[in-house]
Amino acid sequence: MAECPHAEELIMTHTHAARLFVLWAFLGSPVLMAGCANTMIAAKEAMGIPKRDQMVARVEDARDSQTAAKEEFASALDEFLAVTKADGGELEKAYRRLSDRHEASKKAAARVTSRISDVERVATALFREWEKELTQYTSESLRAKSREQLDQTRTQYDRLLASMKAAEAKMPPVLAVLGDHVLFLKHNLNARAIGSLSGAAGEVSAEVDRLIRDMNAAIDEANAFIGQMNSAGT
């Protein structure tokens, strides 16, 4: 059960009957064994949380994870720059702070990737259901209106996903650059090594700045998408 995202949260925060439903689902329902993600989506719908609301919640999670990651990368850059200015007895402490921030950035990046995957799964389920329901209308005008809403939502979602993916793609190169310097410093805590880092400070700063700009763009897209979904749902 621990491998399923949000399962623990779901079980702990709902009614006794809902908890039994979720436990039953994880213990071997043939209908819901198609996958952990689909199980969670179905379980939440059974509790009265429609896919639309689940999607908004997952986009909020992805936005928040990117905000946290942005702060971690900014802190890692600060520590890297601090190392380039450290000397004497401060050098070991500065290195350890940089190493810690690099590890924290890796974890934050992994959370971003996980949250984006959550968004994609629930979006796929929502759009598939929405397409299927279009065939159930007897009113052509209502079908056309629903189709228009679907197309608008999908267009904004595609823009959101592209923005999140663009920011996500910039994280591994930044982590790699920071990781290389952390590894080099591990066995070279001396003035000559620090001098070599000073020349890389501008490049690392530029990489992190580009990443943060892309993350801010993705966060803005997430806020716009959430606003659209909430206003359309009222």
C-alpha atoms as a PDB file:
ATOM      1  CA  MET A   1       0.000   0.000   0.000  1.00  0.00           C
ATOM      2  CA  ALA A   2       2.911   2.337   0.693  1.00  0.00           C
ATOM      3  CA  GLU A   3       3.768   2.328  -3.013  1.00  0.00           C
ATOM      4  CA  CYS A   4       0.480   4.005  -3.908  1.00  0.00           C
ATOM      5  CA  PRO A   5       0.650   7.810  -3.754  1.00  0.00           C
ATOM      6  CA  HIS A   6      -1.839   9.437  -1.392  1.00  0.00           C
ATOM      7  CA  ALA A   7      -3.207   6.091  -0.155  1.00  0.00           C
ATOM      8  CA  GLU A   8      -2.253   6.737   3.447  1.00  0.00           C
ATOM      9  CA  GLU A   9      -3.730  10.223   3.340  1.00  0.00           C
ATOM     10  CA  LEU A  10      -6.952   8.864   1.865  1.00  0.00           C
ATOM     11  CA  ILE A  11      -7.357   6.115   4.427  1.00  0.00           C
ATOM     12  CA  MET A  12      -6.586   8.351   7.390  1.00  0.00           C
ATOM     13  CA  THR A  13      -8.853  11.265   6.488  1.00  0.00           C
ATOM     14  CA  HIS A  14     -12.176   9.654   5.572  1.00  0.00           C
ATOM     15  CA  THR A  15     -14.970   7.748   7.258  1.00  0.00           C
ATOM     16  CA  HIS A  16     -14.785   4.205   8.571  1.00  0.00           C
ATOM     17  CA  ALA A  17     -16.812   2.932   5.599  1.00  0.00           C
ATOM     18  CA  ALA A  18     -14.503   4.726   3.191  1.00  0.00           C
ATOM     19  CA  ARG A  19     -11.448   3.200   4.866  1.00  0.00           C
ATOM     20  CA  LEU A  20     -12.957  -0.259   4.488  1.00  0.00           C
ATOM     21  CA  PHE A  21     -13.579   0.426   0.802  1.00  0.00           C
ATOM     22  CA  VAL A  22      -9.976   1.486   0.222  1.00  0.00           C
ATOM     23  CA  LEU A  23      -8.608  -1.499   2.145  1.00  0.00           C
ATOM     24  CA  TRP A  24     -10.844  -3.828   0.159  1.00  0.00           C
ATOM     25  CA  ALA A  25      -9.603  -2.281  -3.068  1.00  0.00           C
ATOM     26  CA  PHE A  26      -5.967  -2.796  -2.143  1.00  0.00           C
ATOM     27  CA  LEU A  27      -6.519  -6.319  -0.893  1.00  0.00           C
ATOM     28  CA  GLY A  28      -7.486  -7.705  -4.258  1.00  0.00           C
ATOM     29  CA  SER A  29     -10.619  -6.414  -5.933  1.00  0.00           C
ATOM     30  CA  PRO A  30     -10.479  -7.854  -9.460  1.00  0.00           C
ATOM     31  CA  VAL A  31     -12.137  -4.704 -10.819  1.00  0.00           C
ATOM     32  CA  LEU A  32      -9.663  -2.302  -9.229  1.00  0.00           C
ATOM     33  CA  MET A  33      -6.449  -4.312  -9.534  1.00  0.00           C
ATOM     34  CA  ALA A  34      -5.685  -2.732 -12.932  1.00  0.00           C
ATOM     35  CA  GLY A  35      -3.383  -0.320 -11.176  1.00  0.00           C
ATOM     36  CA  CYS A  36      -2.768   1.577  -8.002  1.00  0.00           C
ATOM     37  CA  ALA A  37      -3.463   4.961  -9.587  1.00  0.00           C
ATOM     38  CA  ASN A  38      -6.801   3.927 -11.076  1.00  0.00           C
ATOM     39  CA  THR A  39      -7.719   2.325  -7.779  1.00  0.00           C
ATOM     40  CA  MET A  40      -7.114   5.558  -5.928  1.00  0.00           C
ATOM     41  CA  ILE A  41      -9.079   7.603  -8.440  1.00  0.00           C
ATOM     42  CA  ALA A  42     -12.000   5.174  -8.270  1.00  0.00           C
ATOM     43  CA  ALA A  43     -11.856   5.017  -4.477  1.00  0.00           C
ATOM     44  CA  LYS A  44     -12.009   8.777  -4.183  1.00  0.00           C
ATOM     45  CA  GLU A  45     -14.930   8.944  -6.606  1.00  0.00           C
ATOM     46  CA  ALA A  46     -16.738   6.407  -4.423  1.00  0.00           C
ATOM     47  CA  MET A  47     -16.232   8.838  -1.557  1.00  0.00           C
ATOM     48  CA  GLY A  48     -17.840  11.649  -3.533  1.00  0.00           C
ATOM     49  CA  ILE A  49     -14.697  13.306  -4.919  1.00  0.00           C
ATOM     50  CA  PRO A  50     -15.165  13.659  -8.702  1.00  0.00           C
ATOM     51  CA  LYS A  51     -12.257  13.408 -11.117  1.00  0.00           C
ATOM     52  CA  ARG A  52     -12.446  17.138 -11.802  1.00  0.00           C
ATOM     53  CA  ASP A  53     -11.805  17.949  -8.135  1.00  0.00           C
ATOM     54  CA  GLN A  54      -9.093  15.311  -7.948  1.00  0.00           C
ATOM     55  CA  MET A  55      -7.376  16.907 -10.925  1.00  0.00           C
ATOM     56  CA  VAL A  56      -7.445  20.349  -9.322  1.00  0.00           C
ATOM     57  CA  ALA A  57      -5.996  18.864  -6.119  1.00  0.00           C
ATOM     58  CA  ARG A  58      -3.205  17.131  -8.017  1.00  0.00           C
ATOM     59  CA  VAL A  59      -2.331  20.296  -9.944  1.00  0.00           C
ATOM     60  CA  GLU A  60      -2.174  22.115  -6.614  1.00  0.00           C
ATOM     61  CA  ASP A  61       0.169  19.403  -5.320  1.00  0.00           C
ATOM     62  CA  ALA A  62       2.373  19.722  -8.411  1.00  0.00           C
ATOM     63  CA  ARG A  63       2.453  23.501  -8.074  1.00  0.00           C
ATOM     64  CA  ASP A  64       3.389  23.279  -4.396  1.00  0.00           C
ATOM     65  CA  SER A  65       6.125  20.721  -5.116  1.00  0.00           C
ATOM     66  CA  GLN A  66       7.599  23.022  -7.754  1.00  0.00           C
ATOM     67  CA  THR A  67       7.502  25.940  -5.335  1.00  0.00           C
ATOM     68  CA  ALA A  68       9.361  23.859  -2.749  1.00  0.00           C
ATOM     69  CA  ALA A  69      11.867  22.626  -5.344  1.00  0.00           C
ATOM     70  CA  LYS A  70      12.484  26.165  -6.542  1.00  0.00           C
ATOM     71  CA  GLU A  71      13.377  27.183  -2.992  1.00  0.00           C
ATOM     72  CA  GLU A  72      15.680  24.186  -2.572  1.00  0.00           C
ATOM     73  CA  PHE A  73      17.555  24.930  -5.796  1.00  0.00           C
ATOM     74  CA  ALA A  74      17.898  28.583  -4.834  1.00  0.00           C
ATOM     75  CA  SER A  75      19.310  27.529  -1.450  1.00  0.00           C
ATOM     76  CA  ALA A  76      21.712  25.104  -3.156  1.00  0.00           C
ATOM     77  CA  LEU A  77      22.963  27.936  -5.371  1.00  0.00           C
ATOM     78  CA  ASP A  78      23.471  30.154  -2.326  1.00  0.00           C
ATOM     79  CA  GLU A  79      25.509  27.435  -0.649  1.00  0.00           C
ATOM     80  CA  PHE A  80      27.548  26.856  -3.805  1.00  0.00           C
ATOM     81  CA  LEU A  81      28.394  30.541  -4.007  1.00  0.00           C
ATOM     82  CA  ALA A  82      29.227  30.502  -0.305  1.00  0.00           C
ATOM     83  CA  VAL A  83      31.728  27.689  -0.885  1.00  0.00           C
ATOM     84  CA  THR A  84      33.498  29.731  -3.555  1.00  0.00           C
ATOM     85  CA  LYS A  85      34.086  32.447  -0.945  1.00  0.00           C
ATOM     86  CA  ALA A  86      34.908  30.209   2.005  1.00  0.00           C
ATOM     87  CA  ASP A  87      38.375  29.850   3.464  1.00  0.00           C
ATOM     88  CA  GLY A  88      40.181  28.276   6.377  1.00  0.00           C
ATOM     89  CA  GLY A  89      38.033  26.597   9.002  1.00  0.00           C
ATOM     90  CA  GLU A  90      34.803  27.577   7.217  1.00  0.00           C
ATOM     91  CA  LEU A  91      35.538  25.478   4.151  1.00  0.00           C
ATOM     92  CA  GLU A  92      34.474  22.112   5.588  1.00  0.00           C
ATOM     93  CA  LYS A  93      31.248  23.563   6.994  1.00  0.00           C
ATOM     94  CA  ALA A  94      30.440  25.296   3.701  1.00  0.00           C
ATOM     95  CA  TYR A  95      31.015  22.056   1.789  1.00  0.00           C
ATOM     96  CA  ARG A  96      28.713  20.105   4.100  1.00  0.00           C
ATOM     97  CA  ARG A  97      25.969  22.697   3.768  1.00  0.00           C
ATOM     98  CA  LEU A  98      26.284  22.528  -0.022  1.00  0.00           C
ATOM     99  CA  SER A  99      26.179  18.714   0.047  1.00  0.00           C
ATOM    100  CA  ASP A 100      23.047  18.776   2.224  1.00  0.00           C
ATOM    101  CA  ARG A 101      21.302  21.257  -0.053  1.00  0.00           C
ATOM    102  CA  HIS A 102      22.212  19.177  -3.101  1.00  0.00           C
ATOM    103  CA  GLU A 103      20.625  16.098  -1.513  1.00  0.00           C
ATOM    104  CA  ALA A 104      17.552  18.105  -0.537  1.00  0.00           C
ATOM    105  CA  SER A 105      17.280  19.395  -4.116  1.00  0.00           C
ATOM    106  CA  LYS A 106      17.386  15.837  -5.481  1.00  0.00           C
ATOM    107  CA  LYS A 107      14.538  14.812  -3.202  1.00  0.00           C
ATOM    108  CA  ALA A 108      12.532  17.894  -4.127  1.00  0.00           C
ATOM    109  CA  ALA A 109      13.074  17.159  -7.833  1.00  0.00           C
ATOM    110  CA  ALA A 110      11.844  13.586  -7.351  1.00  0.00           C
ATOM    111  CA  ARG A 111       8.699  14.900  -5.685  1.00  0.00           C
ATOM    112  CA  VAL A 112       8.062  17.227  -8.621  1.00  0.00           C
ATOM    113  CA  THR A 113       8.312  14.316 -11.055  1.00  0.00           C
ATOM    114  CA  SER A 114       5.978  12.204  -8.926  1.00  0.00           C
ATOM    115  CA  ARG A 115       3.389  14.983  -8.647  1.00  0.00           C
ATOM    116  CA  ILE A 116       3.442  15.634 -12.389  1.00  0.00           C
ATOM    117  CA  SER A 117       2.784  11.929 -12.967  1.00  0.00           C
ATOM    118  CA  ASP A 118      -0.177  12.154 -10.577  1.00  0.00           C
ATOM    119  CA  VAL A 119      -1.580  15.025 -12.632  1.00  0.00           C
ATOM    120  CA  GLU A 120      -1.166  13.097 -15.881  1.00  0.00           C
ATOM    121  CA  ARG A 121      -2.926  10.007 -14.515  1.00  0.00           C
ATOM    122  CA  VAL A 122      -6.005  11.802 -13.259  1.00  0.00           C
ATOM    123  CA  ALA A 123      -6.132  14.013 -16.372  1.00  0.00           C
ATOM    124  CA  THR A 124      -6.138  10.923 -18.606  1.00  0.00           C
ATOM    125  CA  ALA A 125      -8.990   9.439 -16.579  1.00  0.00           C
ATOM    126  CA  LEU A 126     -10.979  12.686 -16.599  1.00  0.00           C
ATOM    127  CA  PHE A 127     -10.657  13.350 -20.318  1.00  0.00           C
ATOM    128  CA  ARG A 128     -11.449   9.738 -21.202  1.00  0.00           C
ATOM    129  CA  GLU A 129     -14.614   9.887 -19.107  1.00  0.00           C
ATOM    130  CA  TRP A 130     -15.582  13.278 -20.518  1.00  0.00           C
ATOM    131  CA  GLU A 131     -15.200  12.047 -24.118  1.00  0.00           C
ATOM    132  CA  LYS A 132     -17.332   8.999 -23.366  1.00  0.00           C
ATOM    133  CA  GLU A 133     -20.068  11.087 -21.778  1.00  0.00           C
ATOM    134  CA  LEU A 134     -20.355  13.282 -24.876  1.00  0.00           C
ATOM    135  CA  THR A 135     -21.972  10.334 -26.643  1.00  0.00           C
ATOM    136  CA  GLN A 136     -24.692  10.132 -23.990  1.00  0.00           C
ATOM    137  CA  TYR A 137     -26.320  13.505 -24.717  1.00  0.00           C
ATOM    138  CA  THR A 138     -29.637  13.629 -26.529  1.00  0.00           C
ATOM    139  CA  SER A 139     -29.387  17.422 -26.816  1.00  0.00           C
ATOM    140  CA  GLU A 140     -27.052  18.503 -29.617  1.00  0.00           C
ATOM    141  CA  SER A 141     -26.678  21.994 -28.159  1.00  0.00           C
ATOM    142  CA  LEU A 142     -25.640  20.670 -24.755  1.00  0.00           C
ATOM    143  CA  ARG A 143     -23.269  18.191 -26.375  1.00  0.00           C
ATOM    144  CA  ALA A 144     -21.667  21.020 -28.357  1.00  0.00           C
ATOM    145  CA  LYS A 145     -21.339  23.156 -25.232  1.00  0.00           C
ATOM    146  CA  SER A 146     -19.742  20.305 -23.301  1.00  0.00           C
ATOM    147  CA  ARG A 147     -17.394  19.590 -26.226  1.00  0.00           C
ATOM    148  CA  GLU A 148     -16.335  23.245 -26.246  1.00  0.00           C
ATOM    149  CA  GLN A 149     -15.644  23.135 -22.499  1.00  0.00           C
ATOM    150  CA  LEU A 150     -13.668  19.920 -22.912  1.00  0.00           C
ATOM    151  CA  ASP A 151     -11.574  21.390 -25.725  1.00  0.00           C
ATOM    152  CA  GLN A 152     -10.853  24.539 -23.723  1.00  0.00           C
ATOM    153  CA  THR A 153      -9.890  22.537 -20.642  1.00  0.00           C
ATOM    154  CA  ARG A 154      -7.673  20.201 -22.637  1.00  0.00           C
ATOM    155  CA  THR A 155      -5.950  23.121 -24.386  1.00  0.00           C
ATOM    156  CA  GLN A 156      -5.128  24.806 -21.100  1.00  0.00           C
ATOM    157  CA  TYR A 157      -4.088  21.482 -19.583  1.00  0.00           C
ATOM    158  CA  ASP A 158      -1.732  20.812 -22.501  1.00  0.00           C
ATOM    159  CA  ARG A 159      -0.167  24.223 -21.953  1.00  0.00           C
ATOM    160  CA  LEU A 160       0.151  23.537 -18.231  1.00  0.00           C
ATOM    161  CA  LEU A 161       1.714  20.108 -18.769  1.00  0.00           C
ATOM    162  CA  ALA A 162       4.185  21.444 -21.323  1.00  0.00           C
ATOM    163  CA  SER A 163       5.238  24.161 -18.883  1.00  0.00           C
ATOM    164  CA  MET A 164       5.658  21.730 -15.998  1.00  0.00           C
ATOM    165  CA  LYS A 165       7.595  19.293 -18.172  1.00  0.00           C
ATOM    166  CA  ALA A 166       9.883  22.070 -19.432  1.00  0.00           C
ATOM    167  CA  ALA A 167      10.784  23.023 -15.859  1.00  0.00           C
ATOM    168  CA  GLU A 168      11.139  19.371 -14.873  1.00  0.00           C
ATOM    169  CA  ALA A 169      13.571  18.751 -17.746  1.00  0.00           C
ATOM    170  CA  LYS A 170      15.906  21.475 -16.498  1.00  0.00           C
ATOM    171  CA  MET A 171      16.315  19.922 -13.044  1.00  0.00           C
ATOM    172  CA  PRO A 172      18.580  16.934 -13.898  1.00  0.00           C
ATOM    173  CA  PRO A 173      21.257  19.059 -15.650  1.00  0.00           C
ATOM    174  CA  VAL A 174      21.382  21.468 -12.703  1.00  0.00           C
ATOM    175  CA  LEU A 175      21.575  18.568 -10.253  1.00  0.00           C
ATOM    176  CA  ALA A 176      24.350  17.016 -12.325  1.00  0.00           C
ATOM    177  CA  VAL A 177      26.416  20.213 -12.340  1.00  0.00           C
ATOM    178  CA  LEU A 178      25.991  20.683  -8.604  1.00  0.00           C
ATOM    179  CA  GLY A 179      26.676  16.990  -8.008  1.00  0.00           C
ATOM    180  CA  ASP A 180      29.935  17.148  -9.969  1.00  0.00           C
ATOM    181  CA  HIS A 181      31.173  20.032  -7.869  1.00  0.00           C
ATOM    182  CA  VAL A 182      30.093  18.399  -4.613  1.00  0.00           C
ATOM    183  CA  LEU A 183      31.934  15.222  -5.602  1.00  0.00           C
ATOM    184  CA  PHE A 184      35.046  17.129  -6.615  1.00  0.00           C
ATOM    185  CA  LEU A 185      35.087  19.076  -3.360  1.00  0.00           C
ATOM    186  CA  LYS A 186      34.707  15.931  -1.294  1.00  0.00           C
ATOM    187  CA  HIS A 187      38.390  15.112  -1.812  1.00  0.00           C
ATOM    188  CA  ASN A 188      39.691  18.590  -2.656  1.00  0.00           C
ATOM    189  CA  LEU A 189      38.861  20.959   0.167  1.00  0.00           C
ATOM    190  CA  ASN A 190      41.669  23.400  -0.463  1.00  0.00           C
ATOM    191  CA  ALA A 191      42.259  26.886  -1.814  1.00  0.00           C
ATOM    192  CA  ARG A 192      43.195  25.648  -5.310  1.00  0.00           C
ATOM    193  CA  ALA A 193      39.935  23.687  -5.643  1.00  0.00           C
ATOM    194  CA  ILE A 194      37.907  26.641  -4.411  1.00  0.00           C
ATOM    195  CA  GLY A 195      39.645  28.842  -6.944  1.00  0.00           C
ATOM    196  CA  SER A 196      38.578  26.499  -9.743  1.00  0.00           C
ATOM    197  CA  LEU A 197      34.969  26.716  -8.570  1.00  0.00           C
ATOM    198  CA  SER A 198      34.938  30.489  -8.770  1.00  0.00           C
ATOM    199  CA  GLY A 199      35.141  30.296 -12.545  1.00  0.00           C
ATOM    200  CA  ALA A 200      32.064  28.040 -12.618  1.00  0.00           C
ATOM    201  CA  ALA A 201      29.963  30.296 -10.396  1.00  0.00           C
ATOM    202  CA  GLY A 202      28.534  32.284 -13.286  1.00  0.00           C
ATOM    203  CA  GLU A 203      27.573  29.179 -15.262  1.00  0.00           C
ATOM    204  CA  VAL A 204      25.909  27.507 -12.275  1.00  0.00           C
ATOM    205  CA  SER A 205      24.055  30.714 -11.386  1.00  0.00           C
ATOM    206  CA  ALA A 206      22.770  31.021 -14.944  1.00  0.00           C
ATOM    207  CA  GLU A 207      21.571  27.389 -14.984  1.00  0.00           C
ATOM    208  CA  VAL A 208      19.706  27.788 -11.701  1.00  0.00           C
ATOM    209  CA  ASP A 209      18.231  31.127 -12.774  1.00  0.00           C
ATOM    210  CA  ARG A 210      16.871  29.551 -15.974  1.00  0.00           C
ATOM    211  CA  LEU A 211      15.397  26.692 -13.975  1.00  0.00           C
ATOM    212  CA  ILE A 212      13.719  29.050 -11.522  1.00  0.00           C
ATOM    213  CA  ARG A 213      12.271  31.126 -14.386  1.00  0.00           C
ATOM    214  CA  ASP A 214      10.772  27.991 -15.919  1.00  0.00           C
ATOM    215  CA  MET A 215       9.433  26.877 -12.547  1.00  0.00           C
ATOM    216  CA  ASN A 216       7.805  30.265 -12.005  1.00  0.00           C
ATOM    217  CA  ALA A 217       6.191  29.986 -15.444  1.00  0.00           C
ATOM    218  CA  ALA A 218       4.880  26.510 -14.582  1.00  0.00           C
ATOM    219  CA  ILE A 219       3.547  27.758 -11.242  1.00  0.00           C
ATOM    220  CA  ASP A 220       1.745  30.604 -13.018  1.00  0.00           C
ATOM    221  CA  GLU A 221       0.224  28.144 -15.504  1.00  0.00           C
ATOM    222  CA  ALA A 222      -0.907  25.932 -12.616  1.00  0.00           C
ATOM    223  CA  ASN A 223      -2.580  28.852 -10.881  1.00  0.00           C
ATOM    224  CA  ALA A 224      -4.332  29.847 -14.116  1.00  0.00           C
ATOM    225  CA  PHE A 225      -5.511  26.277 -14.692  1.00  0.00           C
ATOM    226  CA  ILE A 226      -6.792  25.940 -11.124  1.00  0.00           C
ATOM    227  CA  GLY A 227      -8.635  29.244 -11.473  1.00  0.00           C
ATOM    228  CA  GLN A 228     -10.242  28.124 -14.722  1.00  0.00           C
ATOM    229  CA  MET A 229     -11.316  24.783 -13.308  1.00  0.00           C
ATOM    230  CA  ASN A 230     -12.735  26.346 -10.160  1.00  0.00           C
ATOM    231  CA  SER A 231     -14.637  29.045 -12.017  1.00  0.00           C
ATOM    232  CA  ALA A 232     -16.030  26.545 -14.539  1.00  0.00           C
ATOM    233  CA  GLY A 233     -17.156  24.284 -11.719  1.00  0.00           C
ATOM    234  CA  THR A 234     -19.189  26.964  -9.956  1.00  0.00           C
END
